[in-house]
Amino acid sequence: HSKGISSPSILSYKKRENSVNKLNIFNHQDRFAIATGRRKEAIAQVGLFKGQGQLIINKQEGIDYFQGNFIRLSLVQAPIELLDLQNHFNIIVKVSGGGLSGQADAIKLALARALCKTNLSYRQSLKMKKYLTRNPKCKERRKYGLKKARKAPQYSKR
């Protein structure tokens, strides 16, 4: 055996071990549901727990994470406000990738999916407001001959 053959199995084991550790914040006895949401480049994992309505995003308070932007915060909490469950659950979120706008939409989708897992009767009202629909729009690719996806170089007549 050479060194190259045995090392990938060790590396793959370590990778699997890390992925399990990442989810440990959601492994708790008071947990109701976990769901994942995506938007643009952002991926959000939401865990619902028994509680009084706290929102924690990446170990920060929700308002601190969104830098005082109440519009993004209200967008994230829209599914739970629609069902009037603000003080029933603590929401713990792990989000990565993209910017704050994409992350807010990803969290909203994940939260709506998690609420559906807790009670199937919520599904109809969430679906009516389109909170369970993933927004497929993402950045358009750049084409050759253009500066950006659609911006053409400056036209020179002479």
C-alpha atoms as a PDB file:
ATOM      1  CA  HIS A   1       0.000   0.000   0.000  1.00  0.00           C
ATOM      2  CA  SER A   2       1.167   3.503  -0.775  1.00  0.00           C
ATOM      3  CA  LYS A   3       0.428   6.563   1.332  1.00  0.00           C
ATOM      4  CA  GLY A   4      -1.972   7.970  -1.267  1.00  0.00           C
ATOM      5  CA  ILE A   5      -4.459   5.091  -0.990  1.00  0.00           C
ATOM      6  CA  SER A   6      -5.026   5.087   2.769  1.00  0.00           C
ATOM      7  CA  SER A   7      -5.287   8.858   3.305  1.00  0.00           C
ATOM      8  CA  PRO A   8      -8.512   9.544   1.310  1.00  0.00           C
ATOM      9  CA  SER A   9     -10.508   7.193   3.547  1.00  0.00           C
ATOM     10  CA  ILE A  10      -9.268   9.061   6.629  1.00  0.00           C
ATOM     11  CA  LEU A  11     -10.111  12.404   5.002  1.00  0.00           C
ATOM     12  CA  SER A  12     -13.602  11.268   4.045  1.00  0.00           C
ATOM     13  CA  TYR A  13     -14.163  10.020   7.608  1.00  0.00           C
ATOM     14  CA  LYS A  14     -13.112  13.405   9.012  1.00  0.00           C
ATOM     15  CA  LYS A  15     -15.428  15.201   6.599  1.00  0.00           C
ATOM     16  CA  ARG A  16     -18.370  13.057   7.686  1.00  0.00           C
ATOM     17  CA  GLU A  17     -17.501  13.639  11.336  1.00  0.00           C
ATOM     18  CA  ASN A  18     -17.486  17.431  10.810  1.00  0.00           C
ATOM     19  CA  SER A  19     -20.848  17.403   9.036  1.00  0.00           C
ATOM     20  CA  VAL A  20     -22.381  15.577  12.003  1.00  0.00           C
ATOM     21  CA  ASN A  21     -20.885  18.112  14.434  1.00  0.00           C
ATOM     22  CA  LYS A  22     -22.366  21.001  12.465  1.00  0.00           C
ATOM     23  CA  LEU A  23     -25.908  19.738  13.122  1.00  0.00           C
ATOM     24  CA  ASN A  24     -25.380  19.262  16.873  1.00  0.00           C
ATOM     25  CA  ILE A  25     -26.977  22.629  17.691  1.00  0.00           C
ATOM     26  CA  PHE A  26     -30.257  21.176  16.367  1.00  0.00           C
ATOM     27  CA  ASN A  27     -30.010  17.892  18.324  1.00  0.00           C
ATOM     28  CA  HIS A  28     -31.999  18.805  21.407  1.00  0.00           C
ATOM     29  CA  GLN A  29     -34.940  17.141  23.146  1.00  0.00           C
ATOM     30  CA  ASP A  30     -37.221  20.201  22.826  1.00  0.00           C
ATOM     31  CA  ARG A  31     -36.832  20.332  19.047  1.00  0.00           C
ATOM     32  CA  PHE A  32     -40.001  20.305  16.933  1.00  0.00           C
ATOM     33  CA  ALA A  33     -38.692  20.385  13.373  1.00  0.00           C
ATOM     34  CA  ILE A  34     -35.712  21.116  11.127  1.00  0.00           C
ATOM     35  CA  ALA A  35     -35.983  22.388   7.552  1.00  0.00           C
ATOM     36  CA  THR A  36     -33.710  23.753   4.838  1.00  0.00           C
ATOM     37  CA  GLY A  37     -34.341  26.705   2.522  1.00  0.00           C
ATOM     38  CA  ARG A  38     -32.352  28.122  -0.376  1.00  0.00           C
ATOM     39  CA  ARG A  39     -32.341  31.387  -2.327  1.00  0.00           C
ATOM     40  CA  LYS A  40     -29.689  32.642  -4.784  1.00  0.00           C
ATOM     41  CA  GLU A  41     -26.434  31.382  -3.207  1.00  0.00           C
ATOM     42  CA  ALA A  42     -27.753  31.262   0.383  1.00  0.00           C
ATOM     43  CA  ILE A  43     -28.593  28.084   2.283  1.00  0.00           C
ATOM     44  CA  ALA A  44     -30.449  28.224   5.612  1.00  0.00           C
ATOM     45  CA  GLN A  45     -31.165  25.502   8.156  1.00  0.00           C
ATOM     46  CA  VAL A  46     -33.901  26.313  10.659  1.00  0.00           C
ATOM     47  CA  GLY A  47     -34.658  24.498  13.898  1.00  0.00           C
ATOM     48  CA  LEU A  48     -37.894  25.095  15.827  1.00  0.00           C
ATOM     49  CA  PHE A  49     -37.773  24.620  19.603  1.00  0.00           C
ATOM     50  CA  LYS A  50     -40.169  25.144  22.508  1.00  0.00           C
ATOM     51  CA  GLY A  51     -39.778  28.709  23.692  1.00  0.00           C
ATOM     52  CA  GLN A  52     -40.983  32.293  23.891  1.00  0.00           C
ATOM     53  CA  GLY A  53     -40.269  33.578  20.372  1.00  0.00           C
ATOM     54  CA  GLN A  54     -36.513  34.157  20.256  1.00  0.00           C
ATOM     55  CA  LEU A  55     -34.859  34.343  16.826  1.00  0.00           C
ATOM     56  CA  ILE A  56     -31.160  33.407  16.790  1.00  0.00           C
ATOM     57  CA  ILE A  57     -29.270  33.531  13.486  1.00  0.00           C
ATOM     58  CA  ASN A  58     -25.680  32.213  13.468  1.00  0.00           C
ATOM     59  CA  LYS A  59     -25.467  32.636  17.274  1.00  0.00           C
ATOM     60  CA  GLN A  60     -26.635  36.291  17.101  1.00  0.00           C
ATOM     61  CA  GLU A  61     -29.974  37.950  17.793  1.00  0.00           C
ATOM     62  CA  GLY A  62     -32.018  38.357  14.599  1.00  0.00           C
ATOM     63  CA  ILE A  63     -31.999  42.167  14.642  1.00  0.00           C
ATOM     64  CA  ASP A  64     -28.219  42.228  15.198  1.00  0.00           C
ATOM     65  CA  TYR A  65     -27.602  39.787  12.354  1.00  0.00           C
ATOM     66  CA  PHE A  66     -29.603  41.905   9.895  1.00  0.00           C
ATOM     67  CA  GLN A  67     -27.817  45.050  11.157  1.00  0.00           C
ATOM     68  CA  GLY A  68     -30.978  46.758  12.391  1.00  0.00           C
ATOM     69  CA  ASN A  69     -32.871  46.234   9.117  1.00  0.00           C
ATOM     70  CA  PHE A  70     -36.449  45.693  10.332  1.00  0.00           C
ATOM     71  CA  ILE A  71     -37.747  45.020   6.799  1.00  0.00           C
ATOM     72  CA  ARG A  72     -35.546  41.926   6.444  1.00  0.00           C
ATOM     73  CA  LEU A  73     -36.409  40.826   9.966  1.00  0.00           C
ATOM     74  CA  SER A  74     -40.160  41.126   9.305  1.00  0.00           C
ATOM     75  CA  LEU A  75     -39.688  39.225   6.008  1.00  0.00           C
ATOM     76  CA  VAL A  76     -38.041  36.366   7.912  1.00  0.00           C
ATOM     77  CA  GLN A  77     -40.768  36.294  10.568  1.00  0.00           C
ATOM     78  CA  ALA A  78     -43.664  36.594   8.088  1.00  0.00           C
ATOM     79  CA  PRO A  79     -44.618  32.862   8.100  1.00  0.00           C
ATOM     80  CA  ILE A  80     -44.745  32.681  11.902  1.00  0.00           C
ATOM     81  CA  GLU A  81     -46.699  35.964  12.141  1.00  0.00           C
ATOM     82  CA  LEU A  82     -49.216  34.742   9.551  1.00  0.00           C
ATOM     83  CA  LEU A  83     -50.010  31.742  11.774  1.00  0.00           C
ATOM     84  CA  ASP A  84     -49.898  33.917  14.943  1.00  0.00           C
ATOM     85  CA  LEU A  85     -47.278  31.717  16.649  1.00  0.00           C
ATOM     86  CA  GLN A  86     -44.731  34.415  17.610  1.00  0.00           C
ATOM     87  CA  ASN A  87     -44.475  33.379  21.275  1.00  0.00           C
ATOM     88  CA  HIS A  88     -44.694  29.598  20.805  1.00  0.00           C
ATOM     89  CA  PHE A  89     -41.291  28.745  19.280  1.00  0.00           C
ATOM     90  CA  ASN A  90     -37.650  29.673  19.614  1.00  0.00           C
ATOM     91  CA  ILE A  91     -36.086  29.711  16.152  1.00  0.00           C
ATOM     92  CA  ILE A  92     -32.428  28.801  15.723  1.00  0.00           C
ATOM     93  CA  VAL A  93     -30.977  29.397  12.260  1.00  0.00           C
ATOM     94  CA  LYS A  94     -27.716  28.434  10.608  1.00  0.00           C
ATOM     95  CA  VAL A  95     -27.261  30.307   7.335  1.00  0.00           C
ATOM     96  CA  SER A  96     -24.337  30.584   4.939  1.00  0.00           C
ATOM     97  CA  GLY A  97     -23.573  31.910   1.473  1.00  0.00           C
ATOM     98  CA  GLY A  98     -24.962  34.843  -0.478  1.00  0.00           C
ATOM     99  CA  GLY A  99     -25.839  38.255   0.905  1.00  0.00           C
ATOM    100  CA  LEU A 100     -28.331  39.360   3.521  1.00  0.00           C
ATOM    101  CA  SER A 101     -31.208  39.585   1.024  1.00  0.00           C
ATOM    102  CA  GLY A 102     -30.790  36.017  -0.238  1.00  0.00           C
ATOM    103  CA  GLN A 103     -30.229  34.774   3.299  1.00  0.00           C
ATOM    104  CA  ALA A 104     -33.449  36.419   4.520  1.00  0.00           C
ATOM    105  CA  ASP A 105     -35.469  34.702   1.775  1.00  0.00           C
ATOM    106  CA  ALA A 106     -33.751  31.360   2.454  1.00  0.00           C
ATOM    107  CA  ILE A 107     -34.594  31.620   6.169  1.00  0.00           C
ATOM    108  CA  LYS A 108     -38.224  32.509   5.352  1.00  0.00           C
ATOM    109  CA  LEU A 109     -38.602  29.414   3.150  1.00  0.00           C
ATOM    110  CA  ALA A 110     -36.915  27.137   5.702  1.00  0.00           C
ATOM    111  CA  LEU A 111     -39.097  28.514   8.514  1.00  0.00           C
ATOM    112  CA  ALA A 112     -42.275  27.938   6.489  1.00  0.00           C
ATOM    113  CA  ARG A 113     -41.183  24.356   5.725  1.00  0.00           C
ATOM    114  CA  ALA A 114     -40.378  23.707   9.392  1.00  0.00           C
ATOM    115  CA  LEU A 115     -43.793  25.038  10.468  1.00  0.00           C
ATOM    116  CA  CYS A 116     -45.446  22.637   7.995  1.00  0.00           C
ATOM    117  CA  LYS A 117     -43.616  19.752   9.649  1.00  0.00           C
ATOM    118  CA  THR A 118     -45.004  20.707  13.067  1.00  0.00           C
ATOM    119  CA  ASN A 119     -48.636  20.829  11.897  1.00  0.00           C
ATOM    120  CA  LEU A 120     -49.912  19.918   8.422  1.00  0.00           C
ATOM    121  CA  SER A 121     -52.945  22.203   8.796  1.00  0.00           C
ATOM    122  CA  TYR A 122     -50.594  25.218   8.465  1.00  0.00           C
ATOM    123  CA  ARG A 123     -49.663  24.153   4.936  1.00  0.00           C
ATOM    124  CA  GLN A 124     -52.709  25.600   3.165  1.00  0.00           C
ATOM    125  CA  SER A 125     -52.401  29.125   4.579  1.00  0.00           C
ATOM    126  CA  LEU A 126     -48.619  29.168   3.998  1.00  0.00           C
ATOM    127  CA  LYS A 127     -49.122  27.966   0.434  1.00  0.00           C
ATOM    128  CA  MET A 128     -51.760  30.652  -0.237  1.00  0.00           C
ATOM    129  CA  LYS A 129     -49.215  33.355   0.679  1.00  0.00           C
ATOM    130  CA  LYS A 130     -46.557  31.547  -1.449  1.00  0.00           C
ATOM    131  CA  TYR A 131     -44.225  31.076   1.531  1.00  0.00           C
ATOM    132  CA  LEU A 132     -43.579  27.461   0.492  1.00  0.00           C
ATOM    133  CA  THR A 133     -42.532  28.362  -3.065  1.00  0.00           C
ATOM    134  CA  ARG A 134     -38.814  28.455  -3.745  1.00  0.00           C
ATOM    135  CA  ASN A 135     -37.783  31.523  -5.748  1.00  0.00           C
ATOM    136  CA  PRO A 136     -35.711  30.128  -8.657  1.00  0.00           C
ATOM    137  CA  LYS A 137     -34.238  33.460  -9.774  1.00  0.00           C
ATOM    138  CA  CYS A 138     -30.464  33.613  -9.502  1.00  0.00           C
ATOM    139  CA  LYS A 139     -27.638  35.556 -11.118  1.00  0.00           C
ATOM    140  CA  GLU A 140     -27.555  35.313 -14.920  1.00  0.00           C
ATOM    141  CA  ARG A 141     -24.301  34.083 -16.400  1.00  0.00           C
ATOM    142  CA  ARG A 142     -21.908  36.409 -18.235  1.00  0.00           C
ATOM    143  CA  LYS A 143     -21.779  35.969 -22.027  1.00  0.00           C
ATOM    144  CA  TYR A 144     -18.645  36.401 -24.135  1.00  0.00           C
ATOM    145  CA  GLY A 145     -18.548  39.657 -26.102  1.00  0.00           C
ATOM    146  CA  LEU A 146     -20.413  41.450 -23.298  1.00  0.00           C
ATOM    147  CA  LYS A 147     -19.125  43.185 -20.167  1.00  0.00           C
ATOM    148  CA  LYS A 148     -21.745  41.615 -17.883  1.00  0.00           C
ATOM    149  CA  ALA A 149     -24.746  39.324 -18.446  1.00  0.00           C
ATOM    150  CA  ARG A 150     -26.487  41.889 -20.700  1.00  0.00           C
ATOM    151  CA  LYS A 151     -24.315  45.032 -20.647  1.00  0.00           C
ATOM    152  CA  ALA A 152     -22.665  45.540 -24.028  1.00  0.00           C
ATOM    153  CA  PRO A 153     -19.345  47.365 -24.479  1.00  0.00           C
ATOM    154  CA  GLN A 154     -19.611  51.022 -25.488  1.00  0.00           C
ATOM    155  CA  TYR A 155     -20.591  51.406 -29.132  1.00  0.00           C
ATOM    156  CA  SER A 156     -18.305  53.559 -31.260  1.00  0.00           C
ATOM    157  CA  LYS A 157     -19.743  54.865 -34.536  1.00  0.00           C
ATOM    158  CA  ARG A 158     -16.325  55.795 -36.037  1.00  0.00           C
END
